[in-house]
Amino acid sequence: MNAYEDRLKQFIVAGSIEAEHFSFEQSCHSVAEAAAVVGTAPENFVKNICMTDAQDQVIVAIVKGEDRASTSRVAKALQTEQVRTMTPDEMLVKTGYPCGGTPSFGFAATFLIDPRVMQKDVVYTGGGSETALIRVSPQVLLRANGGRVVRIRR
């Protein structure tokens, strides 16, 4: 029983979000590990890059597994300065989820989704812990997090 996964599952049920939650014995921390566990290609995964700005706001840049998020593009999209990637400790405190398991929704943040994510029919994202994943369509993901689609990849 994992408290992080349970909280995320409750959020999914309460929000009637059409998503599947999977728990595994193996680590899904990296895209490569997750792809091996699920048996699918790395391009079917998204990464949730947690950032913060000068006002200490939580920003989540959602990019495809093979892409990298650009702090300068995120800053430009939000018309702010000094955007930086959070440390794993900050991520746990500010999102309520551990690094490597942070989901694409389920906590207070500004969510930015790269357009390449929206081109997929289905994606896998963090499931609340390093051994869990969520399978969801990008359209449902966007509704669940109230995010914006904007180019944020490098």
Foldseek 3Di string as FASTA:
>chain_A
DDPQLVLLVVLCVVVVQPKDKDFDPDFQLALVRVCVVVVHDQQQAWEWFWKAAPVRATETEIERRVWAFAQVQVCVVVVGDHIDTDDQVCCCVQAVAGRSQRFLANGDHAYEYEVSLLVDQWHWGHSRHRRMIMIHGVVSSCVRHVYYYDHGTD
